[in-house]
Amino acid sequence: MNRSVIKESLIVVDIGTSSVKTSIFDLEGNILPNFSISIPHTIISKNDGTSQQDPEMLRSIVEESIDIVLEKSEGYIENIVGVGLDSMASTLVGINKYGKPITPIYTYADTRSNNQVDKIKQDLNETILHQETGAVQHTSYIPSKIMWMKDNINNFKDIDKFVDFSTYIYSNWFENKNFKASYSISSWSGLLDRNKLEWHSDLIDYLDISEDKLPKLRPYDDFESGLNNNYSKRWKKLSETPFFLSVGDGMAATIGSGCTGRKKISITVGSTAAIRILLDTKVDKVPKGLWCYRLLNDYTLLGGSFSEGGNLISWAYNNLKLPKIENLNSELLKLQSGSHGISVLPFLLGERALGWSNNSKGIISGLKYSNTSIEILQSFLESISYRLYLVYEMLKDFLDKDVQVIASGGAIKNLPWWIQTTSDVLDKEIYISKDNQDTGKGVAIMMLRALGYVGNFEDIDSDIEEKYSPDKKNHKIHKHLIDSHLRLYEKMMNN
């Protein structure tokens, strides 16, 4: 490689639920594969609903990843023109007056605030709150978590700021130290008034916290430059580089897969799963059971998400006797749709879209002695496709009739059987994004827009790798199985 070839580029830090990926992208939104690193981390989960991570440990992983990428780039990259971040959303960290974390990172999957959710629903009008914040009252959002912290942690009174993890690390890097967060990452908190782009005053009053305990709200294209003394020495190449505010990983993945506007809808299945559309307008009324997050004054992300996705495969391999992972796809292809007779509710980590029930649990119904372990996994993965279908049906009013479905995320891209199954379930062609890091690419595109290299998000499209077409016979089978799925869901809810 000619050492002077790459004049200008971007660094993207993708803070996911299972790893931190830091990469360098060129000014056309392409990842430069020789300048990328992925460092795994593990969320601590317990039977009592705990889902948390050590903030200092995760911060050290993020910063180490930047160290490594900068070292890789030495002599090959002349100038970094921007640094951008995306993060697993709906995280919460308590920070003291010295700017130090005094709680773990509580993740979206932490369900210990069940009772607090119930109290919010009793005391406030949850239908109005859903329309005003775009979020359903649920343990995955921040209001109930703050109440739970107040009831359960001894040092609650020492918390000076309630922030998401990415806002915490961002605030530590600059001479001008302050806590500010993008509308995007703040939408995922459930505390943002989506119409006013302000913290929701009634919720803040109800939680008995003052607005100065929350980050200042800014558009994502706000940035800081001028690293403090420690980081200027550590990251010399970035000492005056603009660092843009972190955005929600789902927002970035949608933009990175080219799903902007009503003509494309994004399905992402990594550890978790989601289906989303990015609209260049406000949404007047949020459909029941869906969320609605803001990016800028004129951009809205609408959709539904699930705590389960590819993590079901990990769960199955930890608990069932299954074929080697490299043979999983070929073994699944041997199975007939619906032949197992099993109906599954996949809520091993609780239910989000559509019902957002705090009491939902995973259920396997119809299991027989003759069923095999791979049929059990098949039924779980099919059930995720059914949940995607249910949200897709609710989004149809916002979509063009000839909408393209774009799928991304390692879990589904590495399992072609699952892509085909989802195509059959939706009765839609599914196009596979060629990019292996759609989320990181989305952050790169957002920076390019902020820096003026492109005028609109859609100026850089996603490359399509492959197309899957639905099997009409299998679609009919799955329609019956969806009916069974819904009957099982109703039975659970009635109990």
Protein backbone atom coordinates (compact mmCIF):
# COMPACT_ATOMS: atom_id res chain seq x y z
CA MET A 1 0.00 0.00 0.00
CA ASN A 2 1.29 3.45 -0.91
CA ARG A 3 1.74 5.28 2.39
CA SER A 4 0.40 8.55 0.99
CA VAL A 5 -2.70 7.12 -0.72
CA ILE A 6 -5.29 7.80 1.99
CA LYS A 7 -5.40 11.55 2.59
CA GLU A 8 -8.54 11.85 4.70
CA SER A 9 -10.72 9.38 6.56
CA LEU A 10 -13.10 8.86 9.48
CA ILE A 11 -12.98 6.81 12.67
CA VAL A 12 -16.17 5.09 13.83
CA VAL A 13 -16.61 3.50 17.26
CA ASP A 14 -19.51 1.01 17.44
CA ILE A 15 -20.31 0.09 21.06
CA GLY A 16 -22.45 -3.02 20.84
CA THR A 17 -23.92 -5.45 23.34
CA SER A 18 -21.25 -8.09 22.74
CA SER A 19 -18.27 -6.19 21.31
CA VAL A 20 -16.73 -2.82 20.55
CA LYS A 21 -15.83 -2.40 16.88
CA THR A 22 -13.64 0.53 15.90
CA SER A 23 -12.91 1.09 12.22
CA ILE A 24 -11.62 3.59 9.71
CA PHE A 25 -13.87 4.56 6.79
CA ASP A 26 -13.02 6.51 3.66
CA LEU A 27 -14.95 9.59 2.53
CA GLU A 28 -17.27 7.48 0.38
CA GLY A 29 -18.52 5.54 3.38
CA ASN A 30 -16.45 2.42 2.72
CA ILE A 31 -14.74 0.57 5.54
CA LEU A 32 -10.99 0.15 5.21
CA PRO A 33 -10.60 -3.46 6.37
CA ASN A 34 -6.94 -3.22 7.33
CA PHE A 35 -7.78 -0.58 9.91
CA SER A 36 -10.42 -2.24 12.05
CA ILE A 37 -10.58 -3.99 15.41
CA SER A 38 -13.31 -5.83 17.32
CA ILE A 39 -12.92 -6.42 21.06
CA PRO A 40 -15.52 -8.61 22.78
CA HIS A 41 -17.10 -7.83 26.11
CA THR A 42 -19.73 -9.61 28.19
CA ILE A 43 -22.88 -8.20 29.74
CA ILE A 44 -23.46 -9.60 33.24
CA SER A 45 -26.88 -11.26 33.36
CA LYS A 46 -28.56 -12.92 36.35
CA ASN A 47 -31.83 -14.69 37.05
CA ASP A 48 -33.16 -11.72 39.03
CA GLY A 49 -33.25 -9.63 35.83
CA THR A 50 -29.81 -8.06 36.17
CA SER A 51 -28.20 -6.93 32.92
CA GLN A 52 -25.23 -4.67 33.50
CA GLN A 53 -21.60 -3.93 32.71
CA ASP A 54 -18.71 -2.24 34.50
CA PRO A 55 -18.46 1.29 33.01
CA GLU A 56 -14.73 1.63 33.57
CA MET A 57 -14.03 -1.76 32.03
CA LEU A 58 -16.09 -0.94 28.95
CA ARG A 59 -14.54 2.52 28.74
CA SER A 60 -11.07 0.95 28.74
CA ILE A 61 -12.12 -1.38 25.90
CA VAL A 62 -13.43 1.55 23.84
CA GLU A 63 -10.26 3.55 24.37
CA GLU A 64 -8.01 0.56 23.70
CA SER A 65 -9.82 0.00 20.40
CA ILE A 66 -9.08 3.59 19.36
CA ASP A 67 -5.43 3.09 20.39
CA ILE A 68 -5.16 0.00 18.19
CA VAL A 69 -6.78 1.57 15.12
CA LEU A 70 -4.59 4.66 15.38
CA GLU A 71 -1.51 2.46 15.64
CA LYS A 72 -2.62 0.48 12.58
CA SER A 73 -3.11 3.71 10.64
CA GLU A 74 0.31 5.13 11.37
CA GLY A 75 2.06 5.91 8.10
CA TYR A 76 -1.01 5.02 6.02
CA ILE A 77 -3.63 7.61 7.00
CA GLU A 78 -2.67 11.27 6.81
CA ASN A 79 -5.66 12.93 8.43
CA ILE A 80 -8.71 11.88 10.43
CA VAL A 81 -11.42 14.46 9.67
CA GLY A 82 -14.02 13.16 12.10
CA VAL A 83 -14.69 10.65 14.87
CA GLY A 84 -18.21 9.30 15.40
CA LEU A 85 -19.82 6.91 17.85
CA ASP A 86 -22.88 4.76 18.07
CA SER A 87 -23.92 2.84 21.13
CA MET A 88 -26.26 0.16 22.34
CA ALA A 89 -29.18 2.32 23.35
CA SER A 90 -31.15 2.73 26.58
CA THR A 91 -28.14 2.42 28.86
CA LEU A 92 -27.94 4.28 32.16
CA VAL A 93 -25.01 5.22 34.38
CA GLY A 94 -25.04 7.28 37.57
CA ILE A 95 -22.22 9.85 37.70
CA ASN A 96 -21.07 11.72 40.83
CA LYS A 97 -20.10 15.40 41.08
CA TYR A 98 -16.50 14.53 40.19
CA GLY A 99 -17.58 13.00 36.88
CA LYS A 100 -16.95 9.42 38.03
CA PRO A 101 -19.40 6.54 37.56
CA ILE A 102 -20.78 5.23 40.85
CA THR A 103 -23.18 2.66 39.40
CA PRO A 104 -22.86 -0.10 36.81
CA ILE A 105 -24.11 0.44 33.28
CA TYR A 106 -27.73 -0.71 33.39
CA THR A 107 -28.69 -2.02 29.94
CA TYR A 108 -32.00 -2.14 28.09
CA ALA A 109 -32.30 -5.83 29.05
CA ASP A 110 -32.27 -5.18 32.82
CA THR A 111 -35.79 -6.03 34.02
CA ARG A 112 -35.48 -5.37 37.76
CA SER A 113 -37.64 -2.23 37.54
CA ASN A 114 -40.85 -4.19 36.83
CA ASN A 115 -42.63 -2.84 39.91
CA GLN A 116 -41.61 0.72 39.08
CA VAL A 117 -43.08 0.38 35.57
CA ASP A 118 -46.36 -0.71 37.11
CA LYS A 119 -46.34 2.33 39.39
CA ILE A 120 -45.72 4.73 36.49
CA LYS A 121 -48.64 3.17 34.62
CA GLN A 122 -50.87 3.59 37.68
CA ASP A 123 -49.88 7.19 38.31
CA LEU A 124 -49.57 8.60 34.77
CA ASN A 125 -51.43 8.29 31.47
CA GLU A 126 -49.23 5.84 29.56
CA THR A 127 -51.08 6.41 26.27
CA ILE A 128 -50.28 10.13 26.37
CA LEU A 129 -46.69 9.41 27.43
CA HIS A 130 -46.29 7.01 24.50
CA GLN A 131 -47.39 9.68 22.03
CA GLU A 132 -45.25 12.39 23.62
CA THR A 133 -42.04 10.38 24.15
CA GLY A 134 -42.39 7.75 21.42
CA ALA A 135 -41.58 5.11 24.04
CA VAL A 136 -43.75 2.61 25.90
CA GLN A 137 -43.36 2.47 29.68
CA HIS A 138 -41.16 -0.59 30.08
CA THR A 139 -38.09 -1.78 31.95
CA SER A 140 -35.95 -1.21 28.85
CA TYR A 141 -36.35 2.56 29.25
CA ILE A 142 -34.88 4.96 31.79
CA PRO A 143 -37.81 6.31 33.88
CA SER A 144 -38.45 3.06 35.74
CA LYS A 145 -34.71 2.45 36.15
CA ILE A 146 -34.20 5.80 37.89
CA MET A 147 -37.06 4.92 40.26
CA TRP A 148 -35.56 1.49 40.87
CA MET A 149 -32.15 3.01 41.61
CA LYS A 150 -33.74 5.39 44.12
CA ASP A 151 -35.39 2.43 45.87
CA ASN A 152 -32.45 0.03 45.77
CA ILE A 153 -28.99 1.62 45.72
CA ASN A 154 -27.42 3.20 48.79
CA ASN A 155 -25.49 5.94 46.98
CA PHE A 156 -28.42 7.28 44.97
CA LYS A 157 -28.14 10.67 46.69
CA ASP A 158 -24.55 10.96 45.41
CA ILE A 159 -25.62 10.78 41.75
CA ASP A 160 -25.10 14.16 40.10
CA LYS A 161 -25.91 13.09 36.51
CA PHE A 162 -27.95 10.35 34.88
CA VAL A 163 -26.39 9.65 31.48
CA ASP A 164 -26.08 6.92 28.89
CA PHE A 165 -22.73 5.16 28.67
CA SER A 166 -21.56 6.81 25.44
CA THR A 167 -22.26 10.28 26.88
CA TYR A 168 -20.18 9.39 29.93
CA ILE A 169 -17.08 8.40 27.97
CA TYR A 170 -17.46 11.28 25.51
CA SER A 171 -17.49 13.80 28.38
CA ASN A 172 -14.11 12.59 29.63
CA TRP A 173 -12.10 13.30 26.52
CA PHE A 174 -12.23 17.09 26.16
CA GLU A 175 -10.82 20.18 27.77
CA ASN A 176 -14.31 21.65 27.66
CA LYS A 177 -15.83 18.97 29.88
CA ASN A 178 -19.60 18.90 29.78
CA PHE A 179 -22.34 16.33 29.48
CA LYS A 180 -24.32 16.60 26.27
CA ALA A 181 -26.22 13.97 24.33
CA SER A 182 -27.77 13.74 20.88
CA TYR A 183 -31.51 13.72 20.29
CA SER A 184 -30.98 10.25 18.84
CA ILE A 185 -29.40 8.57 21.87
CA SER A 186 -31.75 10.52 24.16
CA SER A 187 -34.85 9.31 22.28
CA TRP A 188 -33.99 5.80 23.42
CA SER A 189 -34.16 6.92 27.06
CA GLY A 190 -37.94 7.30 27.08
CA LEU A 191 -37.48 10.72 28.70
CA LEU A 192 -37.36 12.89 25.58
CA ASP A 193 -40.38 14.89 24.45
CA ARG A 194 -40.21 13.92 20.77
CA ASN A 195 -42.24 16.93 19.62
CA LYS A 196 -40.38 19.62 21.55
CA LEU A 197 -36.95 17.91 21.50
CA GLU A 198 -36.67 18.71 25.19
CA TRP A 199 -36.60 16.56 28.29
CA HIS A 200 -40.18 15.64 29.17
CA SER A 201 -41.04 18.03 32.00
CA ASP A 202 -43.88 15.99 33.53
CA LEU A 203 -41.77 12.83 33.68
CA ILE A 204 -38.83 14.70 35.20
CA ASP A 205 -41.11 16.19 37.85
CA TYR A 206 -42.62 12.78 38.53
CA LEU A 207 -39.16 11.25 38.97
CA ASP A 208 -38.26 14.12 41.31
CA ILE A 209 -35.06 14.99 39.48
CA SER A 210 -34.01 18.35 38.10
CA GLU A 211 -33.18 18.88 34.43
CA ASP A 212 -29.57 19.73 35.28
CA LYS A 213 -29.11 16.09 36.31
CA LEU A 214 -29.57 15.11 32.65
CA PRO A 215 -27.29 15.84 29.67
CA LYS A 216 -27.77 18.92 27.54
CA LEU A 217 -29.65 18.02 24.36
CA ARG A 218 -28.08 18.65 20.96
CA PRO A 219 -28.39 17.39 17.36
CA TYR A 220 -25.95 14.59 16.53
CA ASP A 221 -23.92 16.89 14.27
CA ASP A 222 -22.87 18.99 17.24
CA PHE A 223 -19.28 18.13 18.08
CA GLU A 224 -16.39 18.79 20.41
CA SER A 225 -12.78 19.22 19.40
CA GLY A 226 -9.72 19.92 21.48
CA LEU A 227 -8.90 16.82 23.49
CA ASN A 228 -7.73 17.39 27.04
CA ASN A 229 -4.07 17.08 27.90
CA ASN A 230 -4.10 13.35 28.66
CA TYR A 231 -5.90 12.35 25.48
CA SER A 232 -4.03 14.84 23.28
CA LYS A 233 -0.87 12.98 24.22
CA ARG A 234 -2.49 9.58 23.81
CA TRP A 235 -4.29 10.31 20.52
CA LYS A 236 -2.07 12.95 18.92
CA LYS A 237 -3.65 12.53 15.49
CA LEU A 238 -7.07 13.36 16.98
CA SER A 239 -6.10 16.29 19.19
CA GLU A 240 -8.15 18.81 17.14
CA THR A 241 -10.42 16.39 15.26
CA PRO A 242 -14.21 16.88 15.59
CA PHE A 243 -15.82 14.18 17.76
CA PHE A 244 -19.53 13.94 16.92
CA LEU A 245 -22.18 13.06 19.47
CA SER A 246 -23.08 9.41 19.81
CA VAL A 247 -26.23 8.08 18.13
CA GLY A 248 -28.37 5.02 18.78
CA ASP A 249 -27.03 1.90 17.09
CA GLY A 250 -30.41 1.22 15.49
CA MET A 251 -30.45 4.65 13.86
CA ALA A 252 -26.97 4.08 12.45
CA ALA A 253 -27.78 0.58 11.19
CA THR A 254 -30.85 1.86 9.35
CA ILE A 255 -28.91 4.61 7.58
CA GLY A 256 -25.97 2.29 6.90
CA SER A 257 -28.20 -0.26 5.17
CA GLY A 258 -29.58 2.47 2.90
CA CYS A 259 -33.08 2.48 4.40
CA THR A 260 -34.00 6.15 4.21
CA GLY A 261 -37.52 7.03 3.17
CA ARG A 262 -40.66 5.01 2.50
CA LYS A 263 -39.19 2.85 -0.26
CA LYS A 264 -36.95 0.74 1.99
CA ILE A 265 -37.37 -0.93 5.36
CA SER A 266 -34.53 -2.29 7.46
CA ILE A 267 -34.43 -5.63 9.26
CA THR A 268 -31.42 -6.01 11.52
CA VAL A 269 -30.66 -9.21 13.39
CA GLY A 270 -27.50 -9.26 15.45
CA SER A 271 -27.64 -10.27 19.10
CA THR A 272 -31.11 -8.68 19.12
CA ALA A 273 -33.57 -7.98 16.31
CA ALA A 274 -35.43 -4.95 14.98
CA ILE A 275 -37.40 -3.69 11.99
CA ARG A 276 -37.29 0.04 11.24
CA ILE A 277 -37.99 2.81 8.75
CA LEU A 278 -36.40 6.27 8.68
CA LEU A 279 -38.86 8.98 7.63
CA ASP A 280 -37.90 12.52 6.65
CA THR A 281 -40.85 13.90 8.56
CA LYS A 282 -42.46 13.87 11.99
CA VAL A 283 -44.96 11.14 12.86
CA ASP A 284 -48.21 12.61 14.14
CA LYS A 285 -49.50 9.47 15.83
CA VAL A 286 -47.31 6.58 16.93
CA PRO A 287 -48.96 3.19 16.31
CA LYS A 288 -49.67 1.23 19.48
CA GLY A 289 -46.79 -1.04 20.42
CA LEU A 290 -44.19 0.69 18.23
CA TRP A 291 -41.53 3.19 19.21
CA CYS A 292 -40.74 6.49 17.52
CA TYR A 293 -37.28 8.06 17.92
CA ARG A 294 -35.99 11.39 16.66
CA LEU A 295 -32.74 12.15 14.86
CA LEU A 296 -33.10 15.76 13.72
CA ASN A 297 -35.99 18.19 13.31
CA ASP A 298 -36.98 16.48 10.08
CA TYR A 299 -36.04 12.82 10.62
CA THR A 300 -37.90 10.15 12.59
CA LEU A 301 -37.11 6.47 13.14
CA LEU A 302 -40.21 4.30 13.51
CA GLY A 303 -40.32 0.60 14.27
CA GLY A 304 -40.17 -2.20 16.80
CA SER A 305 -37.40 -4.18 18.43
CA PHE A 306 -36.92 -7.39 20.36
CA SER A 307 -34.46 -8.35 23.07
CA GLU A 308 -33.94 -11.67 21.31
CA GLY A 309 -32.28 -12.35 17.97
CA GLY A 310 -28.99 -14.09 17.35
CA ASN A 311 -28.58 -14.48 21.10
CA LEU A 312 -31.17 -17.29 20.84
CA ILE A 313 -28.60 -19.26 18.86
CA SER A 314 -26.04 -18.73 21.63
CA TRP A 315 -28.63 -19.77 24.22
CA ALA A 316 -29.49 -22.90 22.24
CA TYR A 317 -25.85 -23.92 21.87
CA ASN A 318 -25.36 -23.48 25.60
CA ASN A 319 -28.37 -25.64 26.47
CA LEU A 320 -29.14 -28.05 23.62
CA LYS A 321 -27.21 -30.71 21.78
CA LEU A 322 -26.85 -29.20 18.32
CA PRO A 323 -24.71 -29.79 15.22
CA LYS A 324 -21.48 -27.88 14.84
CA ILE A 325 -22.20 -24.23 14.20
CA GLU A 326 -20.63 -24.44 10.73
CA ASN A 327 -23.19 -27.13 9.82
CA LEU A 328 -26.22 -25.37 11.31
CA ASN A 329 -27.50 -23.81 8.09
CA SER A 330 -27.31 -27.04 6.09
CA GLU A 331 -29.11 -28.94 8.86
CA LEU A 332 -31.89 -26.35 9.09
CA LEU A 333 -32.37 -26.51 5.32
CA LYS A 334 -33.29 -30.20 5.67
CA LEU A 335 -36.31 -29.34 7.84
CA GLN A 336 -39.81 -28.61 6.57
CA SER A 337 -41.54 -25.42 7.71
CA GLY A 338 -44.04 -26.18 10.47
CA SER A 339 -43.35 -29.92 10.57
CA HIS A 340 -42.16 -29.79 14.19
CA GLY A 341 -45.59 -28.89 15.62
CA ILE A 342 -44.02 -26.54 18.17
CA SER A 343 -45.24 -23.03 18.94
CA VAL A 344 -42.86 -20.66 20.71
CA LEU A 345 -42.96 -17.30 22.44
CA PRO A 346 -39.28 -16.29 22.34
CA PHE A 347 -39.30 -13.86 25.28
CA LEU A 348 -36.28 -15.24 27.14
CA LEU A 349 -35.27 -11.66 27.98
CA GLY A 350 -38.80 -10.29 28.30
CA GLU A 351 -41.13 -8.84 25.69
CA ARG A 352 -40.63 -5.56 23.90
CA ALA A 353 -42.59 -5.00 20.65
CA LEU A 354 -45.47 -5.32 20.39
CA GLY A 355 -46.99 -5.98 23.81
CA TRP A 356 -44.17 -4.69 26.04
CA SER A 357 -45.35 -6.95 28.85
CA ASN A 358 -43.13 -6.93 31.91
CA ASN A 359 -44.38 -10.41 32.82
CA SER A 360 -43.80 -12.18 29.50
CA LYS A 361 -41.63 -15.28 29.59
CA GLY A 362 -40.34 -17.68 26.98
CA ILE A 363 -42.83 -20.47 26.28
CA ILE A 364 -42.52 -23.69 24.27
CA SER A 365 -45.87 -25.30 23.47
CA GLY A 366 -46.55 -28.57 21.67
CA LEU A 367 -43.17 -30.15 22.43
CA LYS A 368 -43.19 -33.92 21.79
CA TYR A 369 -40.86 -36.78 22.60
CA SER A 370 -40.04 -37.06 18.90
CA ASN A 371 -38.90 -33.43 18.57
CA THR A 372 -35.18 -32.88 18.14
CA SER A 373 -32.97 -30.14 19.51
CA ILE A 374 -32.56 -28.55 16.09
CA GLU A 375 -36.35 -28.44 15.66
CA ILE A 376 -36.56 -26.54 18.95
CA LEU A 377 -34.02 -24.01 17.66
CA GLN A 378 -35.89 -23.87 14.33
CA SER A 379 -39.12 -22.98 16.13
CA PHE A 380 -37.38 -20.24 18.15
CA LEU A 381 -35.86 -18.62 15.08
CA GLU A 382 -39.15 -18.87 13.18
CA SER A 383 -40.84 -17.10 16.08
CA ILE A 384 -38.49 -14.11 15.68
CA SER A 385 -39.51 -13.97 12.01
CA TYR A 386 -43.15 -13.97 13.15
CA ARG A 387 -42.51 -11.06 15.51
CA LEU A 388 -40.87 -9.16 12.64
CA TYR A 389 -43.94 -9.89 10.49
CA LEU A 390 -46.31 -8.50 13.13
CA VAL A 391 -44.40 -5.21 13.30
CA TYR A 392 -44.07 -5.08 9.50
CA GLU A 393 -47.85 -5.29 9.17
CA MET A 394 -48.23 -2.28 11.48
CA LEU A 395 -45.71 -0.26 9.47
CA LYS A 396 -47.39 -0.79 6.08
CA ASP A 397 -49.27 2.52 6.20
CA PHE A 398 -45.92 4.33 6.27
CA LEU A 399 -44.40 2.36 3.37
CA ASP A 400 -44.60 2.46 -0.40
CA LYS A 401 -46.40 -0.55 -1.87
CA ASP A 402 -43.24 -1.67 -3.65
CA VAL A 403 -41.06 -1.28 -0.55
CA GLN A 404 -37.74 -3.11 -0.53
CA VAL A 405 -36.79 -5.11 2.56
CA ILE A 406 -33.07 -4.83 3.36
CA ALA A 407 -31.60 -7.29 5.87
CA SER A 408 -28.37 -6.81 7.76
CA GLY A 409 -26.68 -8.04 10.91
CA GLY A 410 -24.30 -10.93 11.41
CA ALA A 411 -26.79 -13.37 12.93
CA ILE A 412 -29.15 -13.41 9.96
CA LYS A 413 -26.54 -12.87 7.23
CA ASN A 414 -24.58 -15.88 8.47
CA LEU A 415 -27.68 -18.09 8.36
CA PRO A 416 -29.23 -18.05 4.85
CA TRP A 417 -31.99 -20.41 6.03
CA TRP A 418 -33.19 -17.67 8.38
CA ILE A 419 -33.21 -15.07 5.60
CA GLN A 420 -35.26 -17.38 3.38
CA THR A 421 -37.64 -18.16 6.24
CA THR A 422 -38.18 -14.46 6.92
CA SER A 423 -38.78 -13.85 3.21
CA ASP A 424 -41.39 -16.63 3.22
CA VAL A 425 -43.04 -15.26 6.36
CA LEU A 426 -43.25 -11.67 5.05
CA ASP A 427 -44.08 -12.81 1.51
CA LYS A 428 -41.53 -10.23 0.37
CA GLU A 429 -38.22 -10.34 -1.43
CA ILE A 430 -35.36 -9.67 0.97
CA TYR A 431 -32.19 -7.96 -0.20
CA ILE A 432 -28.97 -8.58 1.70
CA SER A 433 -26.70 -5.67 2.40
CA LYS A 434 -23.16 -6.34 1.22
CA ASP A 435 -21.60 -4.31 4.01
CA ASN A 436 -20.46 -6.27 7.04
CA GLN A 437 -20.63 -3.21 9.27
CA ASP A 438 -23.85 -1.43 8.35
CA THR A 439 -23.97 0.26 11.74
CA GLY A 440 -20.49 1.69 11.42
CA LYS A 441 -21.19 2.72 7.84
CA GLY A 442 -24.29 4.56 9.05
CA VAL A 443 -22.21 6.60 11.49
CA ALA A 444 -19.72 7.35 8.71
CA ILE A 445 -22.54 8.58 6.43
CA MET A 446 -23.92 10.75 9.21
CA MET A 447 -20.51 12.34 9.73
CA LEU A 448 -20.07 12.90 6.00
CA ARG A 449 -23.39 14.76 5.97
CA ALA A 450 -22.41 16.82 9.01
CA LEU A 451 -19.03 17.69 7.48
CA GLY A 452 -20.59 18.68 4.14
CA TYR A 453 -19.13 15.87 2.02
CA VAL A 454 -22.67 14.72 1.11
CA GLY A 455 -25.95 16.60 1.16
CA ASN A 456 -28.27 13.79 2.25
CA PHE A 457 -28.08 10.41 3.94
CA GLU A 458 -29.31 8.68 0.78
CA ASP A 459 -26.43 10.09 -1.29
CA ILE A 460 -24.45 7.02 -0.25
CA ASP A 461 -26.47 3.87 -0.87
CA SER A 462 -25.97 0.36 0.42
CA ASP A 463 -24.55 -2.26 -1.92
CA ILE A 464 -26.79 -5.31 -2.33
CA GLU A 465 -25.10 -8.69 -2.15
CA GLU A 466 -27.96 -11.11 -2.77
CA LYS A 467 -31.74 -11.41 -3.11
CA TYR A 468 -34.07 -14.00 -1.57
CA SER A 469 -37.55 -14.54 -3.00
CA PRO A 470 -40.50 -15.89 -1.00
CA ASP A 471 -41.88 -19.39 -1.42
CA LYS A 472 -45.68 -19.02 -1.66
CA LYS A 473 -46.33 -22.52 -0.30
CA ASN A 474 -44.20 -21.87 2.76
CA HIS A 475 -45.86 -18.48 3.24
CA LYS A 476 -49.24 -20.20 3.61
CA ILE A 477 -47.77 -22.63 6.14
CA HIS A 478 -46.28 -19.78 8.16
CA LYS A 479 -49.56 -17.85 8.12
CA HIS A 480 -51.17 -20.76 9.99
CA LEU A 481 -48.20 -20.93 12.36
CA ILE A 482 -48.51 -17.20 13.07
CA ASP A 483 -52.13 -17.80 14.04
CA SER A 484 -50.95 -20.49 16.49
CA HIS A 485 -48.29 -18.10 17.77
CA LEU A 486 -50.91 -15.41 18.43
CA ARG A 487 -53.25 -17.86 20.17
CA LEU A 488 -50.43 -18.91 22.48
CA TYR A 489 -49.64 -15.26 23.16
CA GLU A 490 -53.27 -14.51 24.04
CA LYS A 491 -53.36 -17.51 26.37
CA MET A 492 -50.22 -16.28 28.15
CA MET A 493 -51.59 -12.75 28.51
CA ASN A 494 -54.92 -14.02 29.87
CA ASN A 495 -53.09 -15.99 32.54
